[in-house]
Amino acid sequence: MRVMVPSALRSYTGAGEVDAEGDTLAALLDDLDRRYPGVRFRIVDEQDRIRRHIRFFVNGEQRFDLTLSVGPDDEIFIVQALSGG
């Protein structure tokens, strides 16, 4: 499936759009981490929770559950909040 990657994570993927496989968001992240080592830790913390500054949009709808089923035709956007002063 197509995954849109925020600019802050492109140092891992080398592109703003990548392909990945998986039947859940968690499996998709595992596949991304196999292809782009280290990227999963930037998205999910040590307790296996989505980090506070990360949002997932699946086919345009915000999702918070890593066990959410996804399919090969889904479009996944990973969005990273920016902060600072």
PDB file of N, CA and C in Angstrom:
ATOM      1  N   MET A   1       0.837  -1.173   0.000  1.00  0.00           N
ATOM      2  CA  MET A   1       0.000   0.000   0.000  1.00  0.00           C
ATOM      3  C   MET A   1       0.882   1.236   0.000  1.00  0.00           C
ATOM      4  N   ARG A   2       0.298   2.340  -0.322  1.00  0.00           N
ATOM      5  CA  ARG A   2       1.033   3.601  -0.409  1.00  0.00           C
ATOM      6  C   ARG A   2       1.047   4.282   0.949  1.00  0.00           C
ATOM      7  N   VAL A   3       2.248   4.693   1.388  1.00  0.00           N
ATOM      8  CA  VAL A   3       2.416   5.373   2.669  1.00  0.00           C
ATOM      9  C   VAL A   3       3.085   6.709   2.404  1.00  0.00           C
ATOM     10  N   MET A   4       2.436   7.776   2.861  1.00  0.00           N
ATOM     11  CA  MET A   4       3.004   9.113   2.740  1.00  0.00           C
ATOM     12  C   MET A   4       3.785   9.400   4.020  1.00  0.00           C
ATOM     13  N   VAL A   5       5.026   9.820   3.865  1.00  0.00           N
ATOM     14  CA  VAL A   5       5.950   9.986   4.978  1.00  0.00           C
ATOM     15  C   VAL A   5       6.211  11.474   5.216  1.00  0.00           C
ATOM     16  N   PRO A   6       6.130  11.934   6.482  1.00  0.00           N
ATOM     17  CA  PRO A   6       6.408  13.350   6.749  1.00  0.00           C
ATOM     18  C   PRO A   6       7.884  13.674   6.509  1.00  0.00           C
ATOM     19  N   SER A   7       8.147  14.924   6.246  1.00  0.00           N
ATOM     20  CA  SER A   7       9.516  15.339   5.912  1.00  0.00           C
ATOM     21  C   SER A   7      10.508  15.004   7.018  1.00  0.00           C
ATOM     22  N   ALA A   8      10.084  15.040   8.266  1.00  0.00           N
ATOM     23  CA  ALA A   8      11.003  14.754   9.376  1.00  0.00           C
ATOM     24  C   ALA A   8      11.479  13.300   9.378  1.00  0.00           C
ATOM     25  N   LEU A   9      10.762  12.404   8.724  1.00  0.00           N
ATOM     26  CA  LEU A   9      11.151  10.989   8.685  1.00  0.00           C
ATOM     27  C   LEU A   9      11.762  10.578   7.352  1.00  0.00           C
ATOM     28  N   ARG A  10      11.867  11.493   6.437  1.00  0.00           N
ATOM     29  CA  ARG A  10      12.385  11.160   5.109  1.00  0.00           C
ATOM     30  C   ARG A  10      13.873  10.856   5.107  1.00  0.00           C
ATOM     31  N   SER A  11      14.571  11.230   6.174  1.00  0.00           N
ATOM     32  CA  SER A  11      15.980  10.849   6.260  1.00  0.00           C
ATOM     33  C   SER A  11      16.114   9.329   6.379  1.00  0.00           C
ATOM     34  N   TYR A  12      15.060   8.666   6.846  1.00  0.00           N
ATOM     35  CA  TYR A  12      15.043   7.205   6.918  1.00  0.00           C
ATOM     36  C   TYR A  12      14.634   6.591   5.586  1.00  0.00           C
ATOM     37  N   THR A  13      13.579   7.128   4.981  1.00  0.00           N
ATOM     38  CA  THR A  13      13.002   6.504   3.786  1.00  0.00           C
ATOM     39  C   THR A  13      13.612   7.013   2.488  1.00  0.00           C
ATOM     40  N   GLY A  14      14.127   8.230   2.505  1.00  0.00           N
ATOM     41  CA  GLY A  14      14.680   8.812   1.291  1.00  0.00           C
ATOM     42  C   GLY A  14      13.623   9.312   0.324  1.00  0.00           C
ATOM     43  N   ALA A  15      12.340   9.224   0.716  1.00  0.00           N
ATOM     44  CA  ALA A  15      11.252   9.642  -0.172  1.00  0.00           C
ATOM     45  C   ALA A  15      10.035  10.022   0.657  1.00  0.00           C
ATOM     46  N   GLY A  16       9.177  10.831   0.067  1.00  0.00           N
ATOM     47  CA  GLY A  16       7.946  11.241   0.725  1.00  0.00           C
ATOM     48  C   GLY A  16       6.819  10.247   0.571  1.00  0.00           C
ATOM     49  N   GLU A  17       7.000   9.303  -0.329  1.00  0.00           N
ATOM     50  CA  GLU A  17       5.995   8.272  -0.566  1.00  0.00           C
ATOM     51  C   GLU A  17       6.705   6.938  -0.746  1.00  0.00           C
ATOM     52  N   VAL A  18       6.283   5.944   0.024  1.00  0.00           N
ATOM     53  CA  VAL A  18       6.892   4.620  -0.057  1.00  0.00           C
ATOM     54  C   VAL A  18       5.798   3.556  -0.084  1.00  0.00           C
ATOM     55  N   ASP A  19       6.164   2.369  -0.483  1.00  0.00           N
ATOM     56  CA  ASP A  19       5.252   1.231  -0.440  1.00  0.00           C
ATOM     57  C   ASP A  19       5.570   0.396   0.786  1.00  0.00           C
ATOM     58  N   ALA A  20       4.543  -0.207   1.363  1.00  0.00           N
ATOM     59  CA  ALA A  20       4.713  -1.107   2.495  1.00  0.00           C
ATOM     60  C   ALA A  20       3.585  -2.116   2.489  1.00  0.00           C
ATOM     61  N   GLU A  21       3.776  -3.191   3.252  1.00  0.00           N
ATOM     62  CA  GLU A  21       2.782  -4.245   3.341  1.00  0.00           C
ATOM     63  C   GLU A  21       2.435  -4.480   4.803  1.00  0.00           C
ATOM     64  N   GLY A  22       1.262  -5.054   5.029  1.00  0.00           N
ATOM     65  CA  GLY A  22       0.830  -5.411   6.366  1.00  0.00           C
ATOM     66  C   GLY A  22      -0.674  -5.425   6.437  1.00  0.00           C
ATOM     67  N   ASP A  23      -1.202  -6.235   7.325  1.00  0.00           N
ATOM     68  CA  ASP A  23      -2.660  -6.305   7.450  1.00  0.00           C
ATOM     69  C   ASP A  23      -3.195  -5.453   8.595  1.00  0.00           C
ATOM     70  N   THR A  24      -2.297  -4.853   9.383  1.00  0.00           N
ATOM     71  CA  THR A  24      -2.660  -3.895  10.431  1.00  0.00           C
ATOM     72  C   THR A  24      -1.653  -2.752  10.387  1.00  0.00           C
ATOM     73  N   LEU A  25      -1.963  -1.665  11.085  1.00  0.00           N
ATOM     74  CA  LEU A  25      -0.988  -0.569  11.159  1.00  0.00           C
ATOM     75  C   LEU A  25       0.308  -1.040  11.805  1.00  0.00           C
ATOM     76  N   ALA A  26       0.208  -1.895  12.831  1.00  0.00           N
ATOM     77  CA  ALA A  26       1.413  -2.416  13.496  1.00  0.00           C
ATOM     78  C   ALA A  26       2.264  -3.221  12.518  1.00  0.00           C
ATOM     79  N   ALA A  27       1.639  -4.079  11.724  1.00  0.00           N
ATOM     80  CA  ALA A  27       2.370  -4.874  10.738  1.00  0.00           C
ATOM     81  C   ALA A  27       2.976  -3.981   9.663  1.00  0.00           C
ATOM     82  N   LEU A  28       2.260  -2.943   9.290  1.00  0.00           N
ATOM     83  CA  LEU A  28       2.775  -1.987   8.318  1.00  0.00           C
ATOM     84  C   LEU A  28       4.043  -1.314   8.861  1.00  0.00           C
ATOM     85  N   LEU A  29       4.018  -0.928  10.135  1.00  0.00           N
ATOM     86  CA  LEU A  29       5.201  -0.306  10.744  1.00  0.00           C
ATOM     87  C   LEU A  29       6.367  -1.283  10.819  1.00  0.00           C
ATOM     88  N   ASP A  30       6.072  -2.547  11.103  1.00  0.00           N
ATOM     89  CA  ASP A  30       7.135  -3.553  11.122  1.00  0.00           C
ATOM     90  C   ASP A  30       7.771  -3.679   9.741  1.00  0.00           C
ATOM     91  N   ASP A  31       6.937  -3.672   8.696  1.00  0.00           N
ATOM     92  CA  ASP A  31       7.457  -3.753   7.338  1.00  0.00           C
ATOM     93  C   ASP A  31       8.282  -2.515   6.998  1.00  0.00           C
ATOM     94  N   LEU A  32       7.793  -1.344   7.379  1.00  0.00           N
ATOM     95  CA  LEU A  32       8.568  -0.122   7.142  1.00  0.00           C
ATOM     96  C   LEU A  32       9.916  -0.189   7.852  1.00  0.00           C
ATOM     97  N   ASP A  33       9.924  -0.732   9.075  1.00  0.00           N
ATOM     98  CA  ASP A  33      11.178  -0.808   9.831  1.00  0.00           C
ATOM     99  C   ASP A  33      12.146  -1.818   9.214  1.00  0.00           C
ATOM    100  N   ARG A  34      11.640  -2.864   8.598  1.00  0.00           N
ATOM    101  CA  ARG A  34      12.519  -3.805   7.885  1.00  0.00           C
ATOM    102  C   ARG A  34      13.158  -3.120   6.678  1.00  0.00           C
ATOM    103  N   ARG A  35      12.368  -2.319   5.999  1.00  0.00           N
ATOM    104  CA  ARG A  35      12.869  -1.630   4.804  1.00  0.00           C
ATOM    105  C   ARG A  35      13.724  -0.415   5.150  1.00  0.00           C
ATOM    106  N   TYR A  36      13.346   0.270   6.231  1.00  0.00           N
ATOM    107  CA  TYR A  36      14.001   1.521   6.637  1.00  0.00           C
ATOM    108  C   TYR A  36      14.296   1.448   8.135  1.00  0.00           C
ATOM    109  N   PRO A  37      15.368   0.758   8.519  1.00  0.00           N
ATOM    110  CA  PRO A  37      15.669   0.529   9.936  1.00  0.00           C
ATOM    111  C   PRO A  37      15.678   1.817  10.763  1.00  0.00           C
ATOM    112  N   GLY A  38      14.998   1.735  11.911  1.00  0.00           N
ATOM    113  CA  GLY A  38      14.952   2.855  12.843  1.00  0.00           C
ATOM    114  C   GLY A  38      13.721   3.717  12.737  1.00  0.00           C
ATOM    115  N   VAL A  39      12.980   3.630  11.642  1.00  0.00           N
ATOM    116  CA  VAL A  39      11.834   4.517  11.451  1.00  0.00           C
ATOM    117  C   VAL A  39      10.710   4.212  12.439  1.00  0.00           C
ATOM    118  N   ARG A  40      10.504   2.946  12.794  1.00  0.00           N
ATOM    119  CA  ARG A  40       9.408   2.580  13.692  1.00  0.00           C
ATOM    120  C   ARG A  40       9.562   3.252  15.052  1.00  0.00           C
ATOM    121  N   PHE A  41      10.794   3.290  15.577  1.00  0.00           N
ATOM    122  CA  PHE A  41      11.023   3.890  16.891  1.00  0.00           C
ATOM    123  C   PHE A  41      10.692   5.384  16.899  1.00  0.00           C
ATOM    124  N   ARG A  42      10.760   6.030  15.773  1.00  0.00           N
ATOM    125  CA  ARG A  42      10.389   7.446  15.677  1.00  0.00           C
ATOM    126  C   ARG A  42       8.879   7.641  15.689  1.00  0.00           C
ATOM    127  N   ILE A  43       8.128   6.557  15.451  1.00  0.00           N
ATOM    128  CA  ILE A  43       6.675   6.626  15.355  1.00  0.00           C
ATOM    129  C   ILE A  43       5.993   6.026  16.580  1.00  0.00           C
ATOM    130  N   VAL A  44       6.584   4.963  17.130  1.00  0.00           N
ATOM    131  CA  VAL A  44       5.993   4.219  18.245  1.00  0.00           C
ATOM    132  C   VAL A  44       6.994   4.189  19.395  1.00  0.00           C
ATOM    133  N   ASP A  45       6.503   4.399  20.628  1.00  0.00           N
ATOM    134  CA  ASP A  45       7.391   4.430  21.789  1.00  0.00           C
ATOM    135  C   ASP A  45       7.669   3.031  22.349  1.00  0.00           C
ATOM    136  N   GLU A  46       8.377   2.985  23.470  1.00  0.00           N
ATOM    137  CA  GLU A  46       8.779   1.724  24.088  1.00  0.00           C
ATOM    138  C   GLU A  46       7.592   0.920  24.614  1.00  0.00           C
ATOM    139  N   GLN A  47       6.471   1.561  24.859  1.00  0.00           N
ATOM    140  CA  GLN A  47       5.260   0.881  25.323  1.00  0.00           C
ATOM    141  C   GLN A  47       4.353   0.483  24.158  1.00  0.00           C
ATOM    142  N   ASP A  48       4.871   0.581  22.960  1.00  0.00           N
ATOM    143  CA  ASP A  48       4.153   0.226  21.737  1.00  0.00           C
ATOM    144  C   ASP A  48       2.921   1.106  21.522  1.00  0.00           C
ATOM    145  N   ARG A  49       3.060   2.375  21.874  1.00  0.00           N
ATOM    146  CA  ARG A  49       1.998   3.362  21.649  1.00  0.00           C
ATOM    147  C   ARG A  49       2.488   4.383  20.630  1.00  0.00           C
ATOM    148  N   ILE A  50       1.547   4.877  19.852  1.00  0.00           N
ATOM    149  CA  ILE A  50       1.878   5.916  18.878  1.00  0.00           C
ATOM    150  C   ILE A  50       2.349   7.158  19.645  1.00  0.00           C
ATOM    151  N   ARG A  51       3.463   7.704  19.248  1.00  0.00           N
ATOM    152  CA  ARG A  51       4.007   8.895  19.940  1.00  0.00           C
ATOM    153  C   ARG A  51       3.026  10.063  19.838  1.00  0.00           C
ATOM    154  N   ARG A  52       3.054  10.922  20.845  1.00  0.00           N
ATOM    155  CA  ARG A  52       2.093  12.028  20.955  1.00  0.00           C
ATOM    156  C   ARG A  52       2.077  12.949  19.755  1.00  0.00           C
ATOM    157  N   HIS A  53       3.199  13.128  19.113  1.00  0.00           N
ATOM    158  CA  HIS A  53       3.286  14.074  18.002  1.00  0.00           C
ATOM    159  C   HIS A  53       3.046  13.426  16.632  1.00  0.00           C
ATOM    160  N   ILE A  54       2.667  12.157  16.620  1.00  0.00           N
ATOM    161  CA  ILE A  54       2.422  11.428  15.369  1.00  0.00           C
ATOM    162  C   ILE A  54       0.930  11.161  15.208  1.00  0.00           C
ATOM    163  N   ARG A  55       0.436  11.300  13.998  1.00  0.00           N
ATOM    164  CA  ARG A  55      -0.954  10.965  13.674  1.00  0.00           C
ATOM    165  C   ARG A  55      -0.960  10.092  12.427  1.00  0.00           C
ATOM    166  N   PHE A  56      -1.884   9.150  12.407  1.00  0.00           N
ATOM    167  CA  PHE A  56      -2.115   8.314  11.243  1.00  0.00           C
ATOM    168  C   PHE A  56      -3.442   8.689  10.628  1.00  0.00           C
ATOM    169  N   PHE A  57      -3.468   8.808   9.317  1.00  0.00           N
ATOM    170  CA  PHE A  57      -4.699   8.979   8.564  1.00  0.00           C
ATOM    171  C   PHE A  57      -4.775   7.839   7.563  1.00  0.00           C
ATOM    172  N   VAL A  58      -5.846   7.072   7.648  1.00  0.00           N
ATOM    173  CA  VAL A  58      -6.074   5.953   6.741  1.00  0.00           C
ATOM    174  C   VAL A  58      -7.254   6.325   5.863  1.00  0.00           C
ATOM    175  N   ASN A  59      -6.987   6.476   4.577  1.00  0.00           N
ATOM    176  CA  ASN A  59      -8.018   6.894   3.621  1.00  0.00           C
ATOM    177  C   ASN A  59      -8.724   8.166   4.085  1.00  0.00           C
ATOM    178  N   GLY A  60      -7.941   9.090   4.628  1.00  0.00           N
ATOM    179  CA  GLY A  60      -8.465  10.391   5.026  1.00  0.00           C
ATOM    180  C   GLY A  60      -9.056  10.467   6.418  1.00  0.00           C
ATOM    181  N   GLU A  61      -9.116   9.346   7.146  1.00  0.00           N
ATOM    182  CA  GLU A  61      -9.681   9.356   8.494  1.00  0.00           C
ATOM    183  C   GLU A  61      -8.586   9.122   9.525  1.00  0.00           C
ATOM    184  N   GLN A  62      -8.584   9.965  10.568  1.00  0.00           N
ATOM    185  CA  GLN A  62      -7.578   9.823  11.606  1.00  0.00           C
ATOM    186  C   GLN A  62      -7.821   8.546  12.401  1.00  0.00           C
ATOM    187  N   ARG A  63      -6.740   7.794  12.626  1.00  0.00           N
ATOM    188  CA  ARG A  63      -6.811   6.528  13.352  1.00  0.00           C
ATOM    189  C   ARG A  63      -5.748   6.504  14.445  1.00  0.00           C
ATOM    190  N   PHE A  64      -6.093   5.854  15.571  1.00  0.00           N
ATOM    191  CA  PHE A  64      -5.195   5.823  16.729  1.00  0.00           C
ATOM    192  C   PHE A  64      -4.801   4.411  17.148  1.00  0.00           C
ATOM    193  N   ASP A  65      -5.378   3.396  16.534  1.00  0.00           N
ATOM    194  CA  ASP A  65      -5.234   2.018  16.973  1.00  0.00           C
ATOM    195  C   ASP A  65      -4.290   1.252  16.058  1.00  0.00           C
ATOM    196  N   LEU A  66      -3.171   0.769  16.607  1.00  0.00           N
ATOM    197  CA  LEU A  66      -2.205   0.029  15.798  1.00  0.00           C
ATOM    198  C   LEU A  66      -2.743  -1.329  15.344  1.00  0.00           C
ATOM    199  N   THR A  67      -3.820  -1.809  15.967  1.00  0.00           N
ATOM    200  CA  THR A  67      -4.406  -3.084  15.548  1.00  0.00           C
ATOM    201  C   THR A  67      -5.426  -2.901  14.427  1.00  0.00           C
ATOM    202  N   LEU A  68      -5.609  -1.682  13.961  1.00  0.00           N
ATOM    203  CA  LEU A  68      -6.543  -1.400  12.881  1.00  0.00           C
ATOM    204  C   LEU A  68      -6.163  -2.180  11.624  1.00  0.00           C
ATOM    205  N   SER A  69      -7.129  -2.872  11.042  1.00  0.00           N
ATOM    206  CA  SER A  69      -6.900  -3.598   9.788  1.00  0.00           C
ATOM    207  C   SER A  69      -6.751  -2.610   8.632  1.00  0.00           C
ATOM    208  N   VAL A  70      -5.776  -2.883   7.793  1.00  0.00           N
ATOM    209  CA  VAL A  70      -5.563  -2.083   6.586  1.00  0.00           C
ATOM    210  C   VAL A  70      -5.426  -3.044   5.412  1.00  0.00           C
ATOM    211  N   GLY A  71      -5.685  -2.528   4.220  1.00  0.00           N
ATOM    212  CA  GLY A  71      -5.629  -3.351   3.022  1.00  0.00           C
ATOM    213  C   GLY A  71      -4.690  -2.785   1.982  1.00  0.00           C
ATOM    214  N   PRO A  72      -4.396  -3.560   0.953  1.00  0.00           N
ATOM    215  CA  PRO A  72      -3.415  -3.149  -0.057  1.00  0.00           C
ATOM    216  C   PRO A  72      -3.809  -1.907  -0.854  1.00  0.00           C
ATOM    217  N   ASP A  73      -5.088  -1.569  -0.882  1.00  0.00           N
ATOM    218  CA  ASP A  73      -5.529  -0.391  -1.628  1.00  0.00           C
ATOM    219  C   ASP A  73      -5.669   0.849  -0.756  1.00  0.00           C
ATOM    220  N   ASP A  74      -5.366   0.728   0.537  1.00  0.00           N
ATOM    221  CA  ASP A  74      -5.488   1.869   1.445  1.00  0.00           C
ATOM    222  C   ASP A  74      -4.343   2.850   1.246  1.00  0.00           C
ATOM    223  N   GLU A  75      -4.639   4.090   1.555  1.00  0.00           N
ATOM    224  CA  GLU A  75      -3.635   5.147   1.507  1.00  0.00           C
ATOM    225  C   GLU A  75      -3.392   5.595   2.939  1.00  0.00           C
ATOM    226  N   ILE A  76      -2.156   5.527   3.375  1.00  0.00           N
ATOM    227  CA  ILE A  76      -1.775   5.839   4.747  1.00  0.00           C
ATOM    228  C   ILE A  76      -0.941   7.114   4.747  1.00  0.00           C
ATOM    229  N   PHE A  77      -1.355   8.070   5.552  1.00  0.00           N
ATOM    230  CA  PHE A  77      -0.572   9.287   5.771  1.00  0.00           C
ATOM    231  C   PHE A  77      -0.067   9.261   7.198  1.00  0.00           C
ATOM    232  N   ILE A  78       1.238   9.428   7.350  1.00  0.00           N
ATOM    233  CA  ILE A  78       1.839   9.606   8.672  1.00  0.00           C
ATOM    234  C   ILE A  78       2.129  11.086   8.791  1.00  0.00           C
ATOM    235  N   VAL A  79       1.543  11.715   9.802  1.00  0.00           N
ATOM    236  CA  VAL A  79       1.687  13.154   9.980  1.00  0.00           C
ATOM    237  C   VAL A  79       2.393  13.400  11.296  1.00  0.00           C
ATOM    238  N   GLN A  80       3.368  14.292  11.264  1.00  0.00           N
ATOM    239  CA  GLN A  80       4.123  14.630  12.453  1.00  0.00           C
ATOM    240  C   GLN A  80       3.898  16.094  12.784  1.00  0.00           C
ATOM    241  N   ALA A  81       3.435  16.342  14.008  1.00  0.00           N
ATOM    242  CA  ALA A  81       3.227  17.713  14.461  1.00  0.00           C
ATOM    243  C   ALA A  81       4.573  18.426  14.612  1.00  0.00           C
ATOM    244  N   LEU A  82       4.568  19.695  14.344  1.00  0.00           N
ATOM    245  CA  LEU A  82       5.755  20.510  14.521  1.00  0.00           C
ATOM    246  C   LEU A  82       5.529  21.437  15.703  1.00  0.00           C
ATOM    247  N   SER A  83       6.585  21.672  16.442  1.00  0.00           N
ATOM    248  CA  SER A  83       6.468  22.590  17.576  1.00  0.00           C
ATOM    249  C   SER A  83       7.747  23.404  17.662  1.00  0.00           C
ATOM    250  N   GLY A  84       7.684  24.369  18.486  1.00  0.00           N
ATOM    251  CA  GLY A  84       8.862  25.206  18.657  1.00  0.00           C
ATOM    252  C   GLY A  84       8.435  26.640  18.927  1.00  0.00           C
ATOM    253  N   GLY A  85       9.389  27.484  18.988  1.00  0.00           N
ATOM    254  CA  GLY A  85       9.061  28.859  19.313  1.00  0.00           C
ATOM    255  C   GLY A  85       9.763  29.836  18.449  1.00  0.00           C
TER     256      GLY A  85
END
